[in-house]
Structure formats: structure tokens, C-alpha cells
Amino acid sequence: MNAEVREATTENDFAKCSEVLRTLRPFISEESYPEAIRKTLADNRRLIFIEENGKGVSALVFEWGYNLFRGKYIYIDDLSTLPETRGKGYASVLLDWVIDFAKKNGFDQVHLDSGVNEGRWDAHRLYLKKKFNVTSLHFAMKLK
């Protein structure tokens, strides 16, 4: 696999990742995406991606922090690959990049949550293959 991982740092990079991130988060419209990604990345997050023919085909957003439970950690917020480019190993390459980044920078843990439905089973197999463990149930309450 010869996919180059790039960090999105410019408006052009952010635009390249719009379709792939909105595939995972379809409630974000094309019109609201630029503001949503700027707000997301302003809050201690980074966006990395793999590009084909000038378009982001796989993207990952992650953040980092420290807390009593996890120590120094990375949390993967979003990982998405366009349906037509799935099966090429791009998500695996992005996960490897984050894991390597975490090891090189002295992080204690890497975390992610994944929805539980049939459409996510391939993702779950990938996470287990990468040695992620199912360690808890995640509870949430929507207020709006």
C-alpha cells in the first residue's frame, strides 16, 4: 500500500475532505461543512487524509488530551472512507499513522467509539485487527 497520509492545514485541504467526512456525518450539509470543520479543528484536533485524483477518499479526525482515567491519550473522533474506495486499506493506513504518532509522542492510549449496527461491522473487524479492545459501553444523552 503506497497511500500518502497528509495533514489538512488549508481551506483547500478541508474542502477536499468534505465529501468523505460528510459520508460519515450526513447531517452536516455541504453549506455548513466549512464552518463545522473550522470549529472542530479549532478545538485541539487534527485532520489527516488520503487523496486520490485531487479528492480526499479517506479521512480521520483526532484529538488529544490528558485525564485521570486515560492519562495522555488520543481520541479518534471520525474515520471515514468513501464507499467506492473501501477495501483498499486506506482506513488501516490512517489508523497506523495515528498509532505511530501516539507512540512517537509519548501517549499512553488511543481511543475511539464506533456505532453498533450492521453498516459498521467492517470497521469493527478493522479495529479488532489493529488490537483495539472493546472496553466499555458509551452512554449519551442528547439535549437538543
C-alpha atoms as a PDB file:
ATOM      1  CA  MET A   1       0.000   0.000   0.000  1.00  0.00           C
ATOM      2  CA  ASN A   2       1.567   3.254  -1.138  1.00  0.00           C
ATOM      3  CA  ALA A   3      -1.010   5.728   0.165  1.00  0.00           C
ATOM      4  CA  GLU A   4       0.389   9.061   1.325  1.00  0.00           C
ATOM      5  CA  VAL A   5      -1.084  10.419   4.540  1.00  0.00           C
ATOM      6  CA  ARG A   6      -1.390  14.199   4.545  1.00  0.00           C
ATOM      7  CA  GLU A   7      -2.454  16.578   7.273  1.00  0.00           C
ATOM      8  CA  ALA A   8      -5.180  19.001   6.226  1.00  0.00           C
ATOM      9  CA  THR A   9      -3.965  22.510   7.021  1.00  0.00           C
ATOM     10  CA  THR A  10      -5.513  24.724   4.345  1.00  0.00           C
ATOM     11  CA  GLU A  11      -9.034  25.615   3.230  1.00  0.00           C
ATOM     12  CA  ASN A  12      -8.321  23.654   0.039  1.00  0.00           C
ATOM     13  CA  ASP A  13      -7.389  20.557   2.074  1.00  0.00           C
ATOM     14  CA  PHE A  14     -10.523  20.930   4.203  1.00  0.00           C
ATOM     15  CA  ALA A  15     -12.644  21.170   1.041  1.00  0.00           C
ATOM     16  CA  LYS A  16     -11.023  18.003  -0.355  1.00  0.00           C
ATOM     17  CA  CYS A  17     -12.226  16.142   2.749  1.00  0.00           C
ATOM     18  CA  SER A  18     -15.809  17.429   2.696  1.00  0.00           C
ATOM     19  CA  GLU A  19     -17.408  14.531   0.851  1.00  0.00           C
ATOM     20  CA  VAL A  20     -15.640  11.770   2.774  1.00  0.00           C
ATOM     21  CA  LEU A  21     -16.382  13.296   6.182  1.00  0.00           C
ATOM     22  CA  ARG A  22     -19.986  14.071   5.257  1.00  0.00           C
ATOM     23  CA  THR A  23     -20.367  10.413   4.216  1.00  0.00           C
ATOM     24  CA  LEU A  24     -19.866   9.532   7.889  1.00  0.00           C
ATOM     25  CA  ARG A  25     -21.755  12.589   9.169  1.00  0.00           C
ATOM     26  CA  PRO A  26     -24.604  13.062   6.646  1.00  0.00           C
ATOM     27  CA  PHE A  27     -26.392  15.559   8.898  1.00  0.00           C
ATOM     28  CA  ILE A  28     -23.666  18.098   8.007  1.00  0.00           C
ATOM     29  CA  SER A  29     -24.683  19.855   4.810  1.00  0.00           C
ATOM     30  CA  GLU A  30     -22.238  20.914   2.136  1.00  0.00           C
ATOM     31  CA  GLU A  31     -23.040  24.533   3.032  1.00  0.00           C
ATOM     32  CA  SER A  32     -22.432  24.118   6.761  1.00  0.00           C
ATOM     33  CA  TYR A  33     -19.316  21.928   6.391  1.00  0.00           C
ATOM     34  CA  PRO A  34     -16.694  24.745   6.138  1.00  0.00           C
ATOM     35  CA  GLU A  35     -17.757  26.289   9.443  1.00  0.00           C
ATOM     36  CA  ALA A  36     -18.199  22.882  11.107  1.00  0.00           C
ATOM     37  CA  ILE A  37     -14.692  21.700  10.176  1.00  0.00           C
ATOM     38  CA  ARG A  38     -13.109  25.009  11.256  1.00  0.00           C
ATOM     39  CA  LYS A  39     -14.860  24.786  14.664  1.00  0.00           C
ATOM     40  CA  THR A  40     -13.856  21.143  15.021  1.00  0.00           C
ATOM     41  CA  LEU A  41     -10.190  21.735  14.250  1.00  0.00           C
ATOM     42  CA  ALA A  42     -10.007  24.862  16.424  1.00  0.00           C
ATOM     43  CA  ASP A  43     -10.639  22.661  19.437  1.00  0.00           C
ATOM     44  CA  ASN A  44      -7.315  20.754  19.705  1.00  0.00           C
ATOM     45  CA  ARG A  45      -7.966  18.398  16.783  1.00  0.00           C
ATOM     46  CA  ARG A  46      -6.140  17.404  13.609  1.00  0.00           C
ATOM     47  CA  LEU A  47      -7.417  16.092  10.287  1.00  0.00           C
ATOM     48  CA  ILE A  48      -5.359  13.650   8.244  1.00  0.00           C
ATOM     49  CA  PHE A  49      -6.405  12.220   4.902  1.00  0.00           C
ATOM     50  CA  ILE A  50      -5.525  10.199   1.822  1.00  0.00           C
ATOM     51  CA  GLU A  51      -6.182  11.702  -1.569  1.00  0.00           C
ATOM     52  CA  GLU A  52      -6.954  10.241  -4.985  1.00  0.00           C
ATOM     53  CA  ASN A  53      -7.277  12.442  -8.061  1.00  0.00           C
ATOM     54  CA  GLY A  54      -7.489  15.656  -6.043  1.00  0.00           C
ATOM     55  CA  LYS A  55     -10.188  14.380  -3.670  1.00  0.00           C
ATOM     56  CA  GLY A  56      -9.951  13.111  -0.105  1.00  0.00           C
ATOM     57  CA  VAL A  57     -11.055   9.469  -0.177  1.00  0.00           C
ATOM     58  CA  SER A  58     -10.297   8.547   3.427  1.00  0.00           C
ATOM     59  CA  ALA A  59     -10.053  10.903   6.397  1.00  0.00           C
ATOM     60  CA  LEU A  60      -9.513  10.768  10.141  1.00  0.00           C
ATOM     61  CA  VAL A  61     -10.045  13.466  12.788  1.00  0.00           C
ATOM     62  CA  PHE A  62      -8.353  13.030  16.148  1.00  0.00           C
ATOM     63  CA  GLU A  63      -7.833  14.981  19.328  1.00  0.00           C
ATOM     64  CA  TRP A  64      -5.565  14.571  22.315  1.00  0.00           C
ATOM     65  CA  GLY A  65      -5.633  15.370  25.975  1.00  0.00           C
ATOM     66  CA  TYR A  66      -4.948  14.182  29.474  1.00  0.00           C
ATOM     67  CA  ASN A  67      -7.323  12.916  32.139  1.00  0.00           C
ATOM     68  CA  LEU A  68      -7.154  10.835  35.297  1.00  0.00           C
ATOM     69  CA  PHE A  69      -8.604   7.727  33.665  1.00  0.00           C
ATOM     70  CA  ARG A  70      -6.659   7.625  30.389  1.00  0.00           C
ATOM     71  CA  GLY A  71      -3.502   9.567  31.136  1.00  0.00           C
ATOM     72  CA  LYS A  72      -2.133  11.195  27.969  1.00  0.00           C
ATOM     73  CA  TYR A  73      -4.459   9.999  25.230  1.00  0.00           C
ATOM     74  CA  ILE A  74      -5.555  10.362  21.627  1.00  0.00           C
ATOM     75  CA  TYR A  75      -9.221  10.044  20.767  1.00  0.00           C
ATOM     76  CA  ILE A  76     -10.289   9.344  17.186  1.00  0.00           C
ATOM     77  CA  ASP A  77     -13.451  11.336  16.523  1.00  0.00           C
ATOM     78  CA  ASP A  78     -14.060  10.457  12.878  1.00  0.00           C
ATOM     79  CA  LEU A  79     -12.743   7.840  10.460  1.00  0.00           C
ATOM     80  CA  SER A  80     -14.380   7.566   7.066  1.00  0.00           C
ATOM     81  CA  THR A  81     -13.637   6.194   3.612  1.00  0.00           C
ATOM     82  CA  LEU A  82     -15.716   6.863   0.525  1.00  0.00           C
ATOM     83  CA  PRO A  83     -17.769   3.766  -0.351  1.00  0.00           C
ATOM     84  CA  GLU A  84     -16.216   3.465  -3.811  1.00  0.00           C
ATOM     85  CA  THR A  85     -12.674   3.346  -2.362  1.00  0.00           C
ATOM     86  CA  ARG A  86     -13.305   0.981   0.550  1.00  0.00           C
ATOM     87  CA  GLY A  87     -11.292  -2.215   0.604  1.00  0.00           C
ATOM     88  CA  LYS A  88      -8.059  -0.501  -0.487  1.00  0.00           C
ATOM     89  CA  GLY A  89      -6.650  -0.363   3.049  1.00  0.00           C
ATOM     90  CA  TYR A  90      -6.863   3.406   3.459  1.00  0.00           C
ATOM     91  CA  ALA A  91      -8.520   3.338   6.897  1.00  0.00           C
ATOM     92  CA  SER A  92      -5.855   0.917   8.065  1.00  0.00           C
ATOM     93  CA  VAL A  93      -3.103   3.266   6.844  1.00  0.00           C
ATOM     94  CA  LEU A  94      -4.683   6.213   8.696  1.00  0.00           C
ATOM     95  CA  LEU A  95      -5.012   4.187  11.904  1.00  0.00           C
ATOM     96  CA  ASP A  96      -1.377   3.079  11.630  1.00  0.00           C
ATOM     97  CA  TRP A  97      -0.345   6.740  11.194  1.00  0.00           C
ATOM     98  CA  VAL A  98      -2.198   7.772  14.369  1.00  0.00           C
ATOM     99  CA  ILE A  99      -0.863   4.835  16.380  1.00  0.00           C
ATOM    100  CA  ASP A 100       2.683   5.624  15.235  1.00  0.00           C
ATOM    101  CA  PHE A 101       2.161   9.327  16.063  1.00  0.00           C
ATOM    102  CA  ALA A 102       0.933   8.341  19.538  1.00  0.00           C
ATOM    103  CA  LYS A 103       3.934   6.092  20.190  1.00  0.00           C
ATOM    104  CA  LYS A 104       6.447   8.684  18.963  1.00  0.00           C
ATOM    105  CA  ASN A 105       4.879  11.410  21.100  1.00  0.00           C
ATOM    106  CA  GLY A 106       4.580   9.513  24.376  1.00  0.00           C
ATOM    107  CA  PHE A 107       0.832   8.998  24.504  1.00  0.00           C
ATOM    108  CA  ASP A 108      -0.487   6.313  26.853  1.00  0.00           C
ATOM    109  CA  GLN A 109      -3.604   5.263  24.927  1.00  0.00           C
ATOM    110  CA  VAL A 110      -5.561   5.633  21.690  1.00  0.00           C
ATOM    111  CA  HIS A 111      -9.367   5.526  21.913  1.00  0.00           C
ATOM    112  CA  LEU A 112     -12.323   5.533  19.557  1.00  0.00           C
ATOM    113  CA  ASP A 113     -16.036   4.836  19.659  1.00  0.00           C
ATOM    114  CA  SER A 114     -17.922   3.140  16.850  1.00  0.00           C
ATOM    115  CA  GLY A 115     -21.630   2.864  16.243  1.00  0.00           C
ATOM    116  CA  VAL A 116     -23.164  -0.557  16.653  1.00  0.00           C
ATOM    117  CA  ASN A 117     -25.067  -1.503  13.520  1.00  0.00           C
ATOM    118  CA  GLU A 118     -24.580  -3.761  10.526  1.00  0.00           C
ATOM    119  CA  GLY A 119     -23.077  -0.927   8.488  1.00  0.00           C
ATOM    120  CA  ARG A 120     -20.165  -0.681  10.944  1.00  0.00           C
ATOM    121  CA  TRP A 121     -19.174  -4.356  11.123  1.00  0.00           C
ATOM    122  CA  ASP A 122     -16.289  -3.995   8.647  1.00  0.00           C
ATOM    123  CA  ALA A 123     -14.957  -1.105  10.731  1.00  0.00           C
ATOM    124  CA  HIS A 124     -15.230  -3.197  13.894  1.00  0.00           C
ATOM    125  CA  ARG A 125     -13.231  -6.011  12.284  1.00  0.00           C
ATOM    126  CA  LEU A 126     -10.530  -3.483  11.365  1.00  0.00           C
ATOM    127  CA  TYR A 127     -10.349  -2.065  14.910  1.00  0.00           C
ATOM    128  CA  LEU A 128     -10.056  -5.541  16.406  1.00  0.00           C
ATOM    129  CA  LYS A 129      -7.379  -6.469  13.851  1.00  0.00           C
ATOM    130  CA  LYS A 130      -5.451  -3.346  14.921  1.00  0.00           C
ATOM    131  CA  LYS A 131      -5.605  -4.620  18.540  1.00  0.00           C
ATOM    132  CA  PHE A 132      -8.232  -2.189  19.836  1.00  0.00           C
ATOM    133  CA  ASN A 133     -10.286  -3.776  22.620  1.00  0.00           C
ATOM    134  CA  VAL A 134     -13.945  -3.318  23.460  1.00  0.00           C
ATOM    135  CA  THR A 135     -13.550  -1.826  26.945  1.00  0.00           C
ATOM    136  CA  SER A 136     -16.845  -0.155  27.779  1.00  0.00           C
ATOM    137  CA  LEU A 137     -20.315   0.862  26.762  1.00  0.00           C
ATOM    138  CA  HIS A 138     -20.672   4.524  25.807  1.00  0.00           C
ATOM    139  CA  PHE A 139     -23.770   6.307  27.098  1.00  0.00           C
ATOM    140  CA  ALA A 140     -25.009   9.636  25.758  1.00  0.00           C
ATOM    141  CA  MET A 141     -27.916  11.993  26.318  1.00  0.00           C
ATOM    142  CA  LYS A 142     -28.971  14.426  23.585  1.00  0.00           C
ATOM    143  CA  LEU A 143     -30.099  17.757  24.972  1.00  0.00           C
ATOM    144  CA  LYS A 144     -31.125  19.342  21.670  1.00  0.00           C
END
